[in-house]
Amino acid sequence: MAIVIVVLIPRAGLTISEPMAWFLTPVIVWIVTALATWLLPPLFIKKKVAERRA
């Protein structure tokens, strides 16, 4: 839905004309979000544990 909104804003400067781009954009966003969800929490937890032990 966000892709449609961005494309409809006339001065945003973004155009998506290829059908494959409409498919790949949400997939790429999903992959990046999934990786961030899996990789970032352990980093923050590791910092908190180190702070509490110190």
PDB file of N, CA and C in Angstrom:
ATOM      1  N   MET A   1       0.819  -1.194   0.000  1.00  0.00           N
ATOM      2  CA  MET A   1       0.000   0.000   0.000  1.00  0.00           C
ATOM      3  C   MET A   1       0.866   1.262   0.000  1.00  0.00           C
ATOM      4  N   ALA A   2       1.953   1.232   0.752  1.00  0.00           N
ATOM      5  CA  ALA A   2       2.831   2.397   0.807  1.00  0.00           C
ATOM      6  C   ALA A   2       3.440   2.688  -0.556  1.00  0.00           C
ATOM      7  N   ILE A   3       3.719   1.650  -1.321  1.00  0.00           N
ATOM      8  CA  ILE A   3       4.295   1.853  -2.663  1.00  0.00           C
ATOM      9  C   ILE A   3       3.310   2.614  -3.535  1.00  0.00           C
ATOM     10  N   VAL A   4       2.051   2.267  -3.460  1.00  0.00           N
ATOM     11  CA  VAL A   4       1.023   2.935  -4.256  1.00  0.00           C
ATOM     12  C   VAL A   4       0.933   4.400  -3.858  1.00  0.00           C
ATOM     13  N   ILE A   5       0.966   4.685  -2.575  1.00  0.00           N
ATOM     14  CA  ILE A   5       0.883   6.070  -2.100  1.00  0.00           C
ATOM     15  C   ILE A   5       2.076   6.879  -2.604  1.00  0.00           C
ATOM     16  N   VAL A   6       3.270   6.322  -2.506  1.00  0.00           N
ATOM     17  CA  VAL A   6       4.466   7.043  -2.957  1.00  0.00           C
ATOM     18  C   VAL A   6       4.415   7.296  -4.458  1.00  0.00           C
ATOM     19  N   VAL A   7       3.964   6.330  -5.219  1.00  0.00           N
ATOM     20  CA  VAL A   7       3.903   6.495  -6.671  1.00  0.00           C
ATOM     21  C   VAL A   7       2.856   7.545  -7.047  1.00  0.00           C
ATOM     22  N   LEU A   8       1.786   7.664  -6.276  1.00  0.00           N
ATOM     23  CA  LEU A   8       0.732   8.615  -6.595  1.00  0.00           C
ATOM     24  C   LEU A   8       1.090  10.051  -6.233  1.00  0.00           C
ATOM     25  N   ILE A   9       2.084  10.270  -5.379  1.00  0.00           N
ATOM     26  CA  ILE A   9       2.504  11.634  -5.032  1.00  0.00           C
ATOM     27  C   ILE A   9       3.265  12.197  -6.232  1.00  0.00           C
ATOM     28  N   PRO A  10       2.762  13.278  -6.828  1.00  0.00           N
ATOM     29  CA  PRO A  10       3.356  13.757  -8.078  1.00  0.00           C
ATOM     30  C   PRO A  10       4.794  14.241  -7.952  1.00  0.00           C
ATOM     31  N   ARG A  11       5.181  14.836  -6.866  1.00  0.00           N
ATOM     32  CA  ARG A  11       6.522  15.415  -6.751  1.00  0.00           C
ATOM     33  C   ARG A  11       7.495  14.535  -5.979  1.00  0.00           C
ATOM     34  N   ALA A  12       7.140  13.308  -5.720  1.00  0.00           N
ATOM     35  CA  ALA A  12       8.028  12.417  -4.978  1.00  0.00           C
ATOM     36  C   ALA A  12       9.225  11.991  -5.820  1.00  0.00           C
ATOM     37  N   GLY A  13       9.080  11.984  -7.117  1.00  0.00           N
ATOM     38  CA  GLY A  13      10.184  11.634  -7.993  1.00  0.00           C
ATOM     39  C   GLY A  13      10.367  10.139  -8.178  1.00  0.00           C
ATOM     40  N   LEU A  14       9.450   9.341  -7.687  1.00  0.00           N
ATOM     41  CA  LEU A  14       9.555   7.889  -7.828  1.00  0.00           C
ATOM     42  C   LEU A  14       8.535   7.392  -8.833  1.00  0.00           C
ATOM     43  N   THR A  15       8.990   6.545  -9.721  1.00  0.00           N
ATOM     44  CA  THR A  15       8.085   5.895 -10.660  1.00  0.00           C
ATOM     45  C   THR A  15       8.419   4.410 -10.689  1.00  0.00           C
ATOM     46  N   ILE A  16       7.398   3.618 -10.701  1.00  0.00           N
ATOM     47  CA  ILE A  16       7.570   2.169 -10.830  1.00  0.00           C
ATOM     48  C   ILE A  16       6.754   1.757 -12.052  1.00  0.00           C
ATOM     49  N   SER A  17       7.455   1.410 -13.114  1.00  0.00           N
ATOM     50  CA  SER A  17       6.755   1.109 -14.356  1.00  0.00           C
ATOM     51  C   SER A  17       6.824  -0.374 -14.712  1.00  0.00           C
ATOM     52  N   GLU A  18       7.839  -1.060 -14.247  1.00  0.00           N
ATOM     53  CA  GLU A  18       7.984  -2.478 -14.570  1.00  0.00           C
ATOM     54  C   GLU A  18       7.113  -3.328 -13.642  1.00  0.00           C
ATOM     55  N   PRO A  19       6.404  -4.299 -14.177  1.00  0.00           N
ATOM     56  CA  PRO A  19       5.609  -5.181 -13.318  1.00  0.00           C
ATOM     57  C   PRO A  19       6.471  -5.957 -12.315  1.00  0.00           C
ATOM     58  N   MET A  20       7.680  -6.314 -12.732  1.00  0.00           N
ATOM     59  CA  MET A  20       8.565  -7.058 -11.831  1.00  0.00           C
ATOM     60  C   MET A  20       8.953  -6.202 -10.630  1.00  0.00           C
ATOM     61  N   ALA A  21       9.092  -4.903 -10.828  1.00  0.00           N
ATOM     62  CA  ALA A  21       9.432  -3.999  -9.723  1.00  0.00           C
ATOM     63  C   ALA A  21       8.329  -3.977  -8.676  1.00  0.00           C
ATOM     64  N   TRP A  22       7.083  -4.071  -9.106  1.00  0.00           N
ATOM     65  CA  TRP A  22       5.962  -4.103  -8.164  1.00  0.00           C
ATOM     66  C   TRP A  22       6.024  -5.367  -7.313  1.00  0.00           C
ATOM     67  N   PHE A  23       6.592  -6.418  -7.850  1.00  0.00           N
ATOM     68  CA  PHE A  23       6.736  -7.664  -7.093  1.00  0.00           C
ATOM     69  C   PHE A  23       7.984  -7.631  -6.214  1.00  0.00           C
ATOM     70  N   LEU A  24       9.105  -7.162  -6.773  1.00  0.00           N
ATOM     71  CA  LEU A  24      10.383  -7.215  -6.056  1.00  0.00           C
ATOM     72  C   LEU A  24      10.486  -6.216  -4.903  1.00  0.00           C
ATOM     73  N   THR A  25       9.880  -5.070  -5.039  1.00  0.00           N
ATOM     74  CA  THR A  25       9.989  -4.058  -3.996  1.00  0.00           C
ATOM     75  C   THR A  25       9.466  -4.559  -2.652  1.00  0.00           C
ATOM     76  N   PRO A  26       8.260  -5.101  -2.565  1.00  0.00           N
ATOM     77  CA  PRO A  26       7.810  -5.614  -1.262  1.00  0.00           C
ATOM     78  C   PRO A  26       8.655  -6.790  -0.767  1.00  0.00           C
ATOM     79  N   VAL A  27       9.151  -7.603  -1.684  1.00  0.00           N
ATOM     80  CA  VAL A  27       9.988  -8.735  -1.282  1.00  0.00           C
ATOM     81  C   VAL A  27      11.288  -8.243  -0.654  1.00  0.00           C
ATOM     82  N   ILE A  28      11.910  -7.241  -1.272  1.00  0.00           N
ATOM     83  CA  ILE A  28      13.153  -6.689  -0.732  1.00  0.00           C
ATOM     84  C   ILE A  28      12.906  -6.053   0.630  1.00  0.00           C
ATOM     85  N   VAL A  29      11.836  -5.294   0.749  1.00  0.00           N
ATOM     86  CA  VAL A  29      11.497  -4.673   2.037  1.00  0.00           C
ATOM     87  C   VAL A  29      11.256  -5.748   3.087  1.00  0.00           C
ATOM     88  N   TRP A  30      10.569  -6.820   2.714  1.00  0.00           N
ATOM     89  CA  TRP A  30      10.295  -7.905   3.655  1.00  0.00           C
ATOM     90  C   TRP A  30      11.599  -8.568   4.115  1.00  0.00           C
ATOM     91  N   ILE A  31      12.512  -8.813   3.176  1.00  0.00           N
ATOM     92  CA  ILE A  31      13.783  -9.455   3.521  1.00  0.00           C
ATOM     93  C   ILE A  31      14.602  -8.577   4.464  1.00  0.00           C
ATOM     94  N   VAL A  32      14.695  -7.292   4.161  1.00  0.00           N
ATOM     95  CA  VAL A  32      15.458  -6.380   5.017  1.00  0.00           C
ATOM     96  C   VAL A  32      14.840  -6.306   6.410  1.00  0.00           C
ATOM     97  N   THR A  33      13.521  -6.228   6.484  1.00  0.00           N
ATOM     98  CA  THR A  33      12.838  -6.180   7.774  1.00  0.00           C
ATOM     99  C   THR A  33      13.045  -7.478   8.552  1.00  0.00           C
ATOM    100  N   ALA A  34      12.962  -8.602   7.880  1.00  0.00           N
ATOM    101  CA  ALA A  34      13.163  -9.885   8.551  1.00  0.00           C
ATOM    102  C   ALA A  34      14.584 -10.005   9.089  1.00  0.00           C
ATOM    103  N   LEU A  35      15.561  -9.619   8.291  1.00  0.00           N
ATOM    104  CA  LEU A  35      16.951  -9.684   8.755  1.00  0.00           C
ATOM    105  C   LEU A  35      17.183  -8.755   9.948  1.00  0.00           C
ATOM    106  N   ALA A  36      16.640  -7.562   9.887  1.00  0.00           N
ATOM    107  CA  ALA A  36      16.794  -6.629  11.010  1.00  0.00           C
ATOM    108  C   ALA A  36      16.118  -7.185  12.263  1.00  0.00           C
ATOM    109  N   THR A  37      14.977  -7.822  12.102  1.00  0.00           N
ATOM    110  CA  THR A  37      14.263  -8.389  13.240  1.00  0.00           C
ATOM    111  C   THR A  37      15.053  -9.525  13.873  1.00  0.00           C
ATOM    112  N   TRP A  38      15.761 -10.297  13.079  1.00  0.00           N
ATOM    113  CA  TRP A  38      16.523 -11.430  13.608  1.00  0.00           C
ATOM    114  C   TRP A  38      17.894 -11.033  14.126  1.00  0.00           C
ATOM    115  N   LEU A  39      18.519 -10.029  13.498  1.00  0.00           N
ATOM    116  CA  LEU A  39      19.904  -9.719  13.832  1.00  0.00           C
ATOM    117  C   LEU A  39      20.073  -8.603  14.863  1.00  0.00           C
ATOM    118  N   LEU A  40      19.210  -7.629  14.891  1.00  0.00           N
ATOM    119  CA  LEU A  40      19.400  -6.498  15.794  1.00  0.00           C
ATOM    120  C   LEU A  40      19.085  -6.795  17.267  1.00  0.00           C
ATOM    121  N   PRO A  41      18.020  -7.509  17.589  1.00  0.00           N
ATOM    122  CA  PRO A  41      17.744  -7.753  19.009  1.00  0.00           C
ATOM    123  C   PRO A  41      18.890  -8.427  19.768  1.00  0.00           C
ATOM    124  N   PRO A  42      19.560  -9.434  19.216  1.00  0.00           N
ATOM    125  CA  PRO A  42      20.684 -10.013  19.970  1.00  0.00           C
ATOM    126  C   PRO A  42      21.791  -9.001  20.269  1.00  0.00           C
ATOM    127  N   LEU A  43      22.011  -8.063  19.374  1.00  0.00           N
ATOM    128  CA  LEU A  43      23.024  -7.043  19.619  1.00  0.00           C
ATOM    129  C   LEU A  43      22.653  -6.178  20.814  1.00  0.00           C
ATOM    130  N   PHE A  44      21.400  -5.769  20.882  1.00  0.00           N
ATOM    131  CA  PHE A  44      20.953  -4.933  21.989  1.00  0.00           C
ATOM    132  C   PHE A  44      20.913  -5.720  23.291  1.00  0.00           C
ATOM    133  N   ILE A  45      20.511  -6.973  23.216  1.00  0.00           N
ATOM    134  CA  ILE A  45      20.478  -7.810  24.421  1.00  0.00           C
ATOM    135  C   ILE A  45      21.893  -8.031  24.933  1.00  0.00           C
ATOM    136  N   LYS A  46      22.836  -8.258  24.024  1.00  0.00           N
ATOM    137  CA  LYS A  46      24.224  -8.466  24.416  1.00  0.00           C
ATOM    138  C   LYS A  46      24.775  -7.225  25.133  1.00  0.00           C
ATOM    139  N   LYS A  47      24.423  -6.041  24.657  1.00  0.00           N
ATOM    140  CA  LYS A  47      24.864  -4.806  25.299  1.00  0.00           C
ATOM    141  C   LYS A  47      24.288  -4.678  26.708  1.00  0.00           C
ATOM    142  N   LYS A  48      23.005  -4.984  26.849  1.00  0.00           N
ATOM    143  CA  LYS A  48      22.349  -4.873  28.164  1.00  0.00           C
ATOM    144  C   LYS A  48      22.950  -5.857  29.162  1.00  0.00           C
ATOM    145  N   VAL A  49      23.230  -7.069  28.700  1.00  0.00           N
ATOM    146  CA  VAL A  49      23.833  -8.078  29.587  1.00  0.00           C
ATOM    147  C   VAL A  49      25.216  -7.630  30.017  1.00  0.00           C
ATOM    148  N   ALA A  50      25.979  -7.092  29.090  1.00  0.00           N
ATOM    149  CA  ALA A  50      27.329  -6.606  29.427  1.00  0.00           C
ATOM    150  C   ALA A  50      27.263  -5.449  30.411  1.00  0.00           C
ATOM    151  N   GLU A  51      26.287  -4.555  30.247  1.00  0.00           N
ATOM    152  CA  GLU A  51      26.130  -3.441  31.173  1.00  0.00           C
ATOM    153  C   GLU A  51      25.760  -3.922  32.572  1.00  0.00           C
ATOM    154  N   ARG A  52      24.907  -4.901  32.658  1.00  0.00           N
ATOM    155  CA  ARG A  52      24.475  -5.395  33.967  1.00  0.00           C
ATOM    156  C   ARG A  52      25.588  -6.161  34.685  1.00  0.00           C
ATOM    157  N   ARG A  53      26.440  -6.836  33.911  1.00  0.00           N
ATOM    158  CA  ARG A  53      27.535  -7.578  34.532  1.00  0.00           C
ATOM    159  C   ARG A  53      28.638  -6.636  35.029  1.00  0.00           C
ATOM    160  N   ALA A  54      28.748  -5.483  34.414  1.00  0.00           N
ATOM    161  CA  ALA A  54      29.819  -4.541  34.792  1.00  0.00           C
ATOM    162  C   ALA A  54      29.514  -3.778  36.055  1.00  0.00           C
TER     163      ALA A  54
END
